[in-house]
Structures are given as C-alpha cells and as structure tokens.
Protein backbone atom coordinates (compact mmCIF):
# COMPACT_ATOMS: atom_id res chain seq x y z
CA UNK A 1 -310.34 -304.22 -68.03
CA UNK A 2 -312.50 -300.75 -66.93
CA UNK A 3 -309.67 -298.59 -65.42
CA UNK A 4 -312.38 -296.19 -64.14
CA UNK A 5 -313.49 -299.28 -61.76
CA UNK A 6 -310.15 -300.19 -60.71
CA UNK A 7 -309.40 -296.69 -59.34
CA UNK A 8 -312.20 -295.92 -58.21
CA UNK A 9 -312.08 -296.39 -54.89
CA UNK A 10 -308.31 -294.29 -54.76
CA UNK A 11 -310.02 -291.76 -56.81
CA UNK A 12 -310.69 -289.23 -53.49
CA UNK A 13 -306.33 -288.98 -53.23
CA UNK A 14 -303.01 -288.62 -55.40
CA UNK A 15 -302.20 -291.66 -56.58
CA UNK A 16 -298.56 -293.03 -56.75
CA UNK A 17 -297.78 -294.63 -60.19
CA UNK A 18 -296.64 -297.60 -58.48
CA UNK A 19 -300.72 -298.36 -57.13
CA UNK A 20 -301.49 -297.88 -60.76
CA UNK A 21 -298.68 -300.00 -62.31
CA UNK A 22 -300.42 -302.68 -59.91
CA UNK A 23 -303.15 -301.91 -61.46
CA UNK A 24 -302.19 -302.50 -64.76
CA UNK A 25 -300.29 -305.51 -64.47
CA UNK A 26 -302.36 -307.50 -66.42
CA UNK A 27 -300.97 -304.68 -69.00
CA UNK A 28 -298.69 -305.91 -71.73
CA UNK A 29 -297.32 -302.34 -71.38
CA UNK A 30 -298.32 -300.29 -68.45
CA UNK A 31 -296.22 -297.36 -68.86
CA UNK A 32 -297.49 -297.38 -72.29
CA UNK A 33 -301.27 -297.56 -70.75
CA UNK A 34 -300.22 -294.30 -68.21
CA UNK A 35 -299.26 -292.21 -71.47
CA UNK A 36 -302.05 -293.01 -72.89
CA UNK A 37 -303.78 -292.04 -69.64
CA UNK A 38 -302.73 -289.32 -69.45
CA UNK A 39 -303.29 -288.14 -73.13
CA UNK A 40 -307.23 -288.53 -72.82
CA UNK A 41 -306.86 -286.85 -69.31
CA UNK A 42 -308.04 -289.67 -67.14
CA UNK A 43 -305.38 -289.04 -65.60
CA UNK A 44 -303.51 -285.84 -64.82
CA UNK A 45 -299.80 -286.15 -63.46
CA UNK A 46 -299.04 -283.67 -60.54
CA UNK A 47 -295.32 -284.37 -60.38
CA UNK A 48 -293.43 -287.12 -61.71
CA UNK A 49 -294.99 -290.27 -60.14
CA UNK A 50 -298.29 -288.51 -58.72
CA UNK A 51 -301.49 -288.56 -60.60
CA UNK A 52 -305.41 -287.51 -59.61
CA UNK A 53 -308.01 -288.92 -61.83
CA UNK A 54 -308.89 -286.72 -64.59
CA UNK A 55 -312.37 -284.87 -65.66
CA UNK A 56 -312.97 -287.79 -68.22
CA UNK A 57 -313.08 -290.11 -65.45
CA UNK A 58 -316.09 -287.93 -64.38
CA UNK A 59 -315.04 -289.45 -60.00
CA UNK A 60 -314.54 -287.67 -56.85
CA UNK A 61 -311.28 -285.84 -56.54
CA UNK A 62 -308.83 -284.74 -53.63
CA UNK A 63 -309.49 -281.90 -52.81
CA UNK A 64 -306.47 -279.14 -53.12
CA UNK A 65 -305.63 -279.24 -49.56
CA UNK A 66 -304.91 -282.92 -49.54
CA UNK A 67 -302.90 -282.67 -53.24
CA UNK A 68 -300.69 -279.96 -50.71
CA UNK A 69 -300.01 -282.65 -48.68
CA UNK A 70 -298.91 -285.56 -51.02
CA UNK A 71 -296.97 -282.97 -53.11
CA UNK A 72 -294.30 -282.39 -50.91
CA UNK A 73 -293.74 -284.19 -47.63
CA UNK A 74 -294.20 -284.21 -44.60
CA UNK A 75 -295.78 -280.56 -45.11
CA UNK A 76 -298.79 -279.53 -44.02
CA UNK A 77 -301.34 -276.12 -45.84
CA UNK A 78 -300.13 -272.64 -43.26
CA UNK A 79 -299.75 -269.40 -44.08
CA UNK A 80 -302.97 -267.62 -46.16
CA UNK A 81 -304.09 -270.79 -46.74
CA UNK A 82 -305.11 -271.85 -43.86
CA UNK A 83 -305.59 -268.18 -42.51
CA UNK A 84 -308.28 -267.76 -45.58
CA UNK A 85 -309.94 -271.62 -44.54
CA UNK A 86 -310.12 -270.00 -40.84
CA UNK A 87 -312.01 -267.21 -41.97
CA UNK A 88 -309.39 -265.34 -40.67
CA UNK A 89 -308.64 -263.01 -43.24
CA UNK A 90 -311.20 -262.14 -46.28
CA UNK A 91 -308.63 -262.73 -49.23
CA UNK A 92 -309.50 -266.29 -50.72
CA UNK A 93 -305.60 -268.06 -51.43
CA UNK A 94 -305.12 -269.23 -54.67
CA UNK A 95 -301.94 -270.35 -54.09
CA UNK A 96 -301.77 -273.30 -51.75
CA UNK A 97 -299.53 -272.48 -48.91
CA UNK A 98 -297.58 -274.70 -46.99
CA UNK A 99 -295.27 -275.72 -44.46
CA UNK A 100 -292.26 -278.80 -45.15
CA UNK A 101 -289.45 -279.83 -42.98
CA UNK A 102 -287.99 -280.47 -46.38
CA UNK A 103 -286.04 -277.77 -48.58
CA UNK A 104 -288.81 -274.60 -50.25
CA UNK A 105 -290.05 -275.77 -52.66
CA UNK A 106 -293.17 -274.65 -55.55
CA UNK A 107 -294.83 -276.65 -57.95
CA UNK A 108 -296.88 -275.12 -60.77
CA UNK A 109 -299.27 -278.43 -62.35
CA UNK A 110 -302.30 -278.31 -63.50
CA UNK A 111 -304.76 -277.98 -60.87
CA UNK A 112 -303.26 -274.66 -59.56
CA UNK A 113 -299.75 -273.77 -57.78
CA UNK A 114 -298.48 -275.30 -54.61
CA UNK A 115 -295.87 -273.62 -52.44
CA UNK A 116 -293.95 -275.43 -49.72
CA UNK A 117 -291.82 -272.84 -47.01
CA UNK A 118 -289.46 -274.85 -44.84
CA UNK A 119 -289.54 -274.66 -41.02
CA UNK A 120 -287.59 -276.92 -38.88
CA UNK A 121 -288.40 -279.52 -35.76
CA UNK A 122 -289.76 -278.94 -33.30
CA UNK A 123 -291.43 -275.55 -33.92
CA UNK A 124 -292.91 -277.33 -37.32
CA UNK A 125 -294.71 -280.11 -35.29
CA UNK A 126 -296.94 -277.49 -33.16
CA UNK A 127 -300.47 -276.68 -34.00
CA UNK A 128 -300.93 -279.33 -37.07
CA UNK A 129 -304.67 -280.32 -37.19
CA UNK A 130 -306.23 -283.48 -38.88
CA UNK A 131 -309.65 -281.74 -41.00
CA UNK A 132 -311.81 -284.62 -41.98
CA UNK A 133 -312.95 -283.72 -45.45
CA UNK A 134 -314.88 -287.19 -46.11
CA UNK A 135 -314.24 -290.56 -44.75
CA UNK A 136 -311.29 -290.91 -47.36
CA UNK A 137 -309.47 -287.71 -47.25
CA UNK A 138 -307.96 -286.04 -44.06
CA UNK A 139 -305.82 -283.19 -44.59
CA UNK A 140 -303.61 -281.70 -42.59
CA UNK A 141 -303.71 -277.74 -42.15
CA UNK A 142 -302.51 -275.43 -39.43
CA UNK A 143 -304.62 -274.48 -36.71
CA UNK A 144 -305.61 -270.82 -36.70
CA UNK A 145 -302.99 -270.10 -34.08
CA UNK A 146 -299.69 -271.77 -35.96
CA UNK A 147 -300.82 -270.50 -39.00
CA UNK A 148 -300.66 -266.52 -37.22
CA UNK A 149 -297.27 -267.38 -36.13
CA UNK A 150 -296.39 -269.23 -39.54
CA UNK A 151 -297.16 -265.81 -41.32
CA UNK A 152 -295.32 -263.69 -38.91
CA UNK A 153 -292.07 -266.36 -38.77
CA UNK A 154 -292.26 -266.67 -42.71
CA UNK A 155 -293.00 -263.19 -43.97
CA UNK A 156 -289.70 -261.54 -44.35
CA UNK A 157 -288.67 -258.55 -43.41
CA UNK A 158 -291.05 -258.55 -40.33
CA UNK A 159 -289.88 -257.91 -37.04
CA UNK A 160 -292.52 -256.88 -34.32
CA UNK A 161 -291.12 -254.46 -31.88
CA UNK A 162 -294.13 -252.71 -30.41
CA UNK A 163 -298.01 -253.54 -30.09
CA UNK A 164 -299.03 -250.32 -32.20
CA UNK A 165 -297.00 -252.06 -35.30
CA UNK A 166 -298.17 -255.32 -34.37
CA UNK A 167 -301.95 -254.04 -34.60
CA UNK A 168 -301.10 -252.25 -37.73
CA UNK A 169 -299.27 -255.44 -38.72
CA UNK A 170 -302.63 -257.69 -38.09
CA UNK A 171 -305.61 -255.12 -38.55
CA UNK A 172 -303.95 -253.38 -41.37
CA UNK A 173 -301.55 -255.39 -43.05
CA UNK A 174 -303.50 -258.41 -42.83
CA UNK A 175 -307.31 -257.13 -42.64
CA UNK A 176 -308.07 -259.38 -39.59
CA UNK A 177 -311.13 -258.94 -37.21
CA UNK A 178 -310.71 -258.32 -33.54
CA UNK A 179 -313.47 -260.44 -32.79
CA UNK A 180 -311.54 -263.56 -34.20
CA UNK A 181 -308.21 -262.74 -33.20
CA UNK A 182 -309.68 -262.57 -29.72
CA UNK A 183 -310.53 -265.89 -29.98
CA UNK A 184 -307.28 -267.46 -30.14
CA UNK A 185 -305.68 -269.40 -27.69
CA UNK A 186 -302.76 -267.44 -26.90
CA UNK A 187 -301.76 -269.62 -24.12
CA UNK A 188 -300.84 -272.50 -26.22
CA UNK A 189 -299.05 -269.77 -28.29
CA UNK A 190 -296.93 -269.52 -25.68
CA UNK A 191 -295.97 -272.70 -25.26
CA UNK A 192 -294.26 -272.79 -28.62
CA UNK A 193 -291.85 -269.41 -28.87
CA UNK A 194 -289.15 -271.18 -27.05
CA UNK A 195 -288.91 -273.28 -29.05
CA UNK A 196 -289.25 -271.27 -32.60
CA UNK A 197 -287.97 -268.64 -35.01
CA UNK A 198 -288.42 -264.99 -34.49
CA UNK A 199 -288.99 -265.41 -31.08
CA UNK A 200 -289.14 -261.73 -29.57
CA UNK A 201 -292.27 -261.28 -32.66
CA UNK A 202 -294.45 -263.61 -31.64
CA UNK A 203 -293.57 -262.38 -27.80
CA UNK A 204 -295.04 -258.95 -29.26
CA UNK A 205 -297.68 -261.05 -30.91
CA UNK A 206 -299.09 -262.82 -28.15
CA UNK A 207 -299.01 -259.83 -25.92
CA UNK A 208 -300.49 -258.15 -28.85
CA UNK A 209 -303.77 -260.18 -28.61
CA UNK A 210 -304.47 -260.15 -25.17
CA UNK A 211 -304.54 -256.35 -25.32
CA UNK A 212 -306.85 -256.87 -28.04
C-alpha cells in the first residue's frame, strides 16, 4: 500500500492523527506504522496528534501561516508576522506570532517556532482576513490595521500618551513608513476601540495616523 498516494490530497494542510489512522485502517498496527513514517521522515510531528508530510514524500506542504492556524485554534497570524507579511515593517519575522482566545503558548516544532498571545472576544474577532494561498490553503491573518492595533495592545509597557511618542513608536521603534501608514483605514480602527484593551492608547494611535 502506497502511503504517499493515500496522503497526497491532504498534504497541503496539517493532518490529524485521526485522519492518518483512518487511511491506515487496513494495517494491523497503524500506530506502529505512524512511528515508522516519522522515523523515516515521511511524516513530521508538529505537536501531539498533528502532522505534516516530510521531505521524503516530496509533496507540497502547508504554508507556515496555515500551520500556525492549526497548531492552536482558534487563532490568526498577527503582530510582527502579519506586519511583515503586509510589508509594514522592514524585518522578516522568524517566529510566527499569532493571537488566540485561548491561553498564551509557545510551540517549538521541527518547522519553526510559533507563539500565541491571548486576546478576548469581541476585540479578538475584528479585522481578520482570509488569505487564499492556494485552492487548498486559506490562512487567517490580521489585516494591516488589526496587526498594528494588536502590536500596541500586546506590547508590554507601551502606553501611547502623545502624538510625538506615538510617532516615535511607529517610525523609530517599528521603522514603519509614513506612506504605508497613511493607507490604513482609521475609520475601521475607530470602530474597534470601545471593545479593545488599551483603549486610550488606540485612540492616540488613530489620532496620530490621521495627522501623518
């Protein structure tokens, strides 16, 4: 039985142990077969009960952002990872940063580090975009506006109290470009503020963006 053929149509998303056991139901010891597939690098375990196909399979694999969505859900990619994705900051983010309604957590996996920080509903649910990477891969990513708000909300000891301080935070600390910042939808951001943590900081953020 050719496991590669069986798994091929699922390879672009993280695969649950339940699905793999279903595919291996004709094996006498499917759990032993899973261990064998991991040892031979045909499968990679990214956390208990969740896998992606390994390099030996030579199949398309899920994008890191989609892996992040599946590792700890519900969640969406945000903070530096989303800011980098939208070309709002010059640095490439090496750790995939996400927001979740569950408790904060860090996963160190064979395919990278994935961090999660907690935010509460209803603020959590604002400004999430569905990004279609391929027909089988749709990723949840914060909009540019939400990623920036999340950065303010979740950065410890950042309380924006003046336009000057906010400009320094955006242009010097985060090294953002004024042309990019001027494209942000401040009207949309204003709608989120009443349900957001650090309400006064976000008000100052919006006020500063309007004046840029």
